Amino acid sequence: MTRCADPAAIAAGRRGARVAGLRGTLVAGRRIALVAALLGSLAPAIAVAPLVQHDVVLLQPGTVLVHRVAGVDAMASYVQAVGEALQAVAARHPEQIPAAGFVVVAARPDGQTQAWLDFRPSLAEPTARDIVAASRAVTPPAVSGGPIVFALRVSLWGAKAPAAYAPSPAEWRAAAAAAGRPLATDDLLRATWPD
């Protein structure tokens, strides 16, 4: 039972104000905090997507791709299959710190595939290894007249989208530095993925 719950009266030390008034306020405050904490612990956790695909970056002109891949639908299906494979890999690596960048994928007419990574920060070795392996394992469409190459612009575990809009894998930068000049995409592929 409280005679006075006026904080000013309690602060002034008036005789009519009981400590019980302050104690009652504190107990009520604790109850509210306890209920809020319990409700908060019962609320479902906000899920973070393991991988978000922001864009597909074509690293060759459309005229080249049209001549090298038998149909737009075949190319779209391939890109989608690679994206799904990356989703599965990211979900298996929840320990990966948030990172954003590019997965560059290439396919040759003989059916061989290759992948390069360009992430900030760099991916953990197990994650990087599995992403490259999963990308390479996807069966490419029929390719003729030379390789095809594209990149998926992605972010992992809640990272913001990459600031860059084109990839620059370390292997490609090293090949261009060794050549002493910028290299065209097909030249980069020959330099970093020999027959």
Protein backbone atom coordinates (compact mmCIF):
# COMPACT_ATOMS: atom_id res chain seq x y z
CA MET A 1 0.00 0.00 0.00
CA THR A 2 1.41 3.32 -1.11
CA ARG A 3 0.42 6.67 0.30
CA CYS A 4 2.39 8.69 -2.21
CA ALA A 5 3.88 7.73 -5.54
CA ASP A 6 4.95 11.26 -6.35
CA PRO A 7 8.67 11.16 -7.24
CA ALA A 8 9.09 14.81 -6.27
CA ALA A 9 7.69 14.11 -2.81
CA ILE A 10 9.95 11.09 -2.42
CA ALA A 11 12.98 13.10 -3.58
CA ALA A 12 12.12 15.92 -1.16
CA GLY A 13 11.96 13.44 1.70
CA ARG A 14 8.46 14.34 2.76
CA ARG A 15 7.25 12.23 5.62
CA GLY A 16 4.10 11.20 3.80
CA ALA A 17 6.10 9.56 1.04
CA ARG A 18 6.94 6.01 1.81
CA VAL A 19 9.84 4.03 0.54
CA ALA A 20 7.20 1.46 -0.32
CA GLY A 21 6.09 3.79 -3.14
CA LEU A 22 9.53 3.67 -4.70
CA ARG A 23 9.83 -0.05 -4.00
CA GLY A 24 6.46 -0.67 -5.70
CA THR A 25 7.60 1.28 -8.74
CA LEU A 26 10.83 -0.70 -8.91
CA VAL A 27 9.03 -4.03 -8.55
CA ALA A 28 6.58 -3.09 -11.31
CA GLY A 29 9.49 -2.00 -13.51
CA ARG A 30 11.25 -5.32 -12.91
CA ARG A 31 8.10 -7.21 -13.82
CA ILE A 32 7.77 -5.30 -17.06
CA ALA A 33 11.43 -5.92 -17.89
CA LEU A 34 11.04 -9.64 -17.11
CA VAL A 35 7.96 -9.96 -19.31
CA ALA A 36 9.69 -8.09 -22.14
CA ALA A 37 12.74 -10.34 -21.86
CA LEU A 38 10.59 -13.47 -21.90
CA LEU A 39 8.59 -12.28 -24.88
CA GLY A 40 11.78 -11.33 -26.68
CA SER A 41 13.22 -14.78 -26.15
CA LEU A 42 10.05 -16.36 -27.53
CA ALA A 43 10.04 -14.27 -30.70
CA PRO A 44 11.43 -16.08 -33.73
CA ALA A 45 14.94 -15.10 -34.73
CA ILE A 46 15.26 -12.96 -37.82
CA ALA A 47 16.84 -15.20 -40.43
CA VAL A 48 19.70 -13.94 -42.55
CA ALA A 49 19.91 -15.43 -46.02
CA PRO A 50 23.11 -17.44 -46.47
CA LEU A 51 23.58 -15.97 -49.96
CA VAL A 52 21.91 -13.16 -51.85
CA GLN A 53 22.45 -12.95 -55.61
CA HIS A 54 22.37 -9.29 -56.64
CA ASP A 55 23.22 -9.43 -60.33
CA VAL A 56 24.54 -11.51 -63.19
CA VAL A 57 27.50 -9.80 -64.85
CA LEU A 58 28.09 -10.81 -68.46
CA LEU A 59 31.82 -10.56 -69.08
CA GLN A 60 31.51 -10.93 -72.85
CA PRO A 61 29.39 -8.98 -75.32
CA GLY A 62 25.94 -10.39 -75.97
CA THR A 63 26.86 -10.93 -79.62
CA VAL A 64 29.67 -13.28 -78.55
CA LEU A 65 27.47 -15.20 -76.11
CA VAL A 66 24.68 -15.62 -78.67
CA HIS A 67 27.14 -17.32 -81.06
CA ARG A 68 28.75 -19.48 -78.36
CA VAL A 69 25.68 -20.77 -76.50
CA ALA A 70 22.78 -22.52 -78.19
CA GLY A 71 19.95 -20.32 -76.96
CA VAL A 72 19.26 -17.74 -74.30
CA ASP A 73 17.20 -20.22 -72.30
CA ALA A 74 20.16 -22.60 -72.04
CA MET A 75 22.36 -19.81 -70.71
CA ALA A 76 19.67 -18.64 -68.26
CA SER A 77 19.19 -22.19 -66.97
CA TYR A 78 22.94 -22.55 -66.46
CA VAL A 79 23.22 -19.28 -64.54
CA GLN A 80 20.24 -20.28 -62.38
CA ALA A 81 21.72 -23.73 -61.66
CA VAL A 82 25.03 -22.17 -60.59
CA GLY A 83 23.14 -19.75 -58.30
CA GLU A 84 21.25 -22.63 -56.69
CA ALA A 85 24.49 -24.56 -56.15
CA LEU A 86 26.01 -21.50 -54.45
CA GLN A 87 22.95 -21.17 -52.18
CA ALA A 88 23.41 -24.76 -51.03
CA VAL A 89 27.11 -24.25 -50.32
CA ALA A 90 26.57 -21.03 -48.38
CA ALA A 91 23.94 -22.73 -46.22
CA ARG A 92 26.49 -25.40 -45.28
CA HIS A 93 28.97 -22.74 -44.08
CA PRO A 94 27.23 -20.69 -41.38
CA GLU A 95 30.61 -20.00 -39.77
CA GLN A 96 31.58 -17.80 -42.76
CA ILE A 97 31.84 -14.15 -41.80
CA PRO A 98 29.75 -11.79 -43.93
CA ALA A 99 31.46 -11.13 -47.26
CA ALA A 100 30.51 -9.79 -50.67
CA GLY A 101 31.92 -10.17 -54.12
CA PHE A 102 31.85 -12.23 -57.27
CA VAL A 103 31.88 -15.84 -58.36
CA VAL A 104 33.25 -15.89 -61.91
CA VAL A 105 32.29 -18.99 -63.91
CA ALA A 106 33.58 -20.10 -67.32
CA ALA A 107 32.78 -23.04 -69.58
CA ARG A 108 34.61 -24.36 -72.63
CA PRO A 109 33.24 -26.14 -75.71
CA ASP A 110 34.70 -29.42 -74.37
CA GLY A 111 32.47 -29.15 -71.26
CA GLN A 112 35.25 -28.18 -68.84
CA THR A 113 34.38 -25.47 -66.33
CA GLN A 114 36.36 -23.17 -64.08
CA ALA A 115 35.58 -20.65 -61.34
CA TRP A 116 37.42 -17.74 -59.74
CA LEU A 117 36.52 -15.70 -56.66
CA ASP A 118 36.75 -12.01 -55.86
CA PHE A 119 35.44 -11.33 -52.33
CA ARG A 120 35.92 -8.67 -49.66
CA PRO A 121 36.84 -9.83 -47.12
CA SER A 122 38.30 -13.01 -48.53
CA LEU A 123 36.28 -16.13 -47.92
CA ALA A 124 37.38 -18.74 -45.41
CA GLU A 125 39.31 -21.51 -47.19
CA PRO A 126 36.62 -24.21 -46.74
CA THR A 127 33.90 -21.89 -48.04
CA ALA A 128 36.01 -20.75 -51.02
CA ARG A 129 36.96 -24.32 -51.90
CA ASP A 130 33.35 -25.51 -51.77
CA ILE A 131 32.03 -22.57 -53.80
CA VAL A 132 34.58 -23.17 -56.55
CA ALA A 133 33.86 -26.93 -56.55
CA ALA A 134 30.07 -26.40 -56.65
CA SER A 135 30.36 -23.87 -59.48
CA ARG A 136 32.53 -26.21 -61.50
CA ALA A 137 30.23 -29.18 -60.89
CA VAL A 138 27.22 -27.62 -62.63
CA THR A 139 26.86 -29.03 -66.15
CA PRO A 140 27.20 -26.17 -68.65
CA PRO A 141 25.08 -25.76 -71.77
CA ALA A 142 26.49 -26.73 -75.16
CA VAL A 143 29.19 -24.17 -75.96
CA SER A 144 30.90 -23.68 -79.33
CA GLY A 145 33.40 -21.27 -80.87
CA GLY A 146 35.18 -20.45 -77.61
CA PRO A 147 34.54 -20.22 -73.88
CA ILE A 148 31.73 -18.37 -72.16
CA VAL A 149 32.22 -16.48 -68.92
CA PHE A 150 29.97 -14.61 -66.51
CA ALA A 151 29.98 -13.60 -62.86
CA LEU A 152 27.40 -13.71 -60.10
CA ARG A 153 27.50 -10.64 -57.85
CA VAL A 154 26.62 -11.97 -54.41
CA SER A 155 26.77 -11.34 -50.70
CA LEU A 156 27.05 -13.95 -47.95
CA TRP A 157 25.52 -13.98 -44.48
CA GLY A 158 24.10 -10.47 -44.40
CA ALA A 159 26.93 -8.54 -46.06
CA LYS A 160 25.95 -5.51 -48.14
CA ALA A 161 26.09 -5.85 -51.91
CA PRO A 162 29.60 -5.46 -53.36
CA ALA A 163 30.50 -1.88 -54.19
CA ALA A 164 32.11 -2.96 -57.47
CA TYR A 165 30.04 -3.94 -60.47
CA ALA A 166 32.67 -6.07 -62.21
CA PRO A 167 34.95 -8.76 -60.82
CA SER A 168 38.70 -8.65 -60.63
CA PRO A 169 39.91 -12.02 -59.31
CA ALA A 170 43.51 -12.05 -58.04
CA GLU A 171 44.53 -14.52 -60.76
CA TRP A 172 43.22 -12.17 -63.45
CA ARG A 173 45.00 -9.16 -61.94
CA ALA A 174 48.26 -11.16 -61.84
CA ALA A 175 47.86 -12.20 -65.49
CA ALA A 176 47.30 -8.60 -66.59
CA ALA A 177 50.28 -7.44 -64.52
CA ALA A 178 52.48 -10.13 -66.09
CA ALA A 179 51.34 -9.04 -69.56
CA GLY A 180 52.03 -5.42 -68.67
CA ARG A 181 48.65 -4.33 -70.05
CA PRO A 182 44.93 -4.90 -69.63
CA LEU A 183 43.79 -8.15 -71.21
CA ALA A 184 40.59 -8.96 -73.07
CA THR A 185 38.35 -11.56 -71.42
CA ASP A 186 39.36 -14.41 -73.76
CA ASP A 187 43.06 -13.55 -73.17
CA LEU A 188 42.50 -13.57 -69.40
CA LEU A 189 40.89 -17.00 -69.69
CA ARG A 190 43.81 -18.35 -71.75
CA ALA A 191 46.32 -16.91 -69.26
CA THR A 192 44.62 -18.19 -66.11
CA TRP A 193 43.02 -21.39 -67.43
CA PRO A 194 45.40 -23.04 -69.89
CA ASP A 195 44.29 -26.05 -71.95
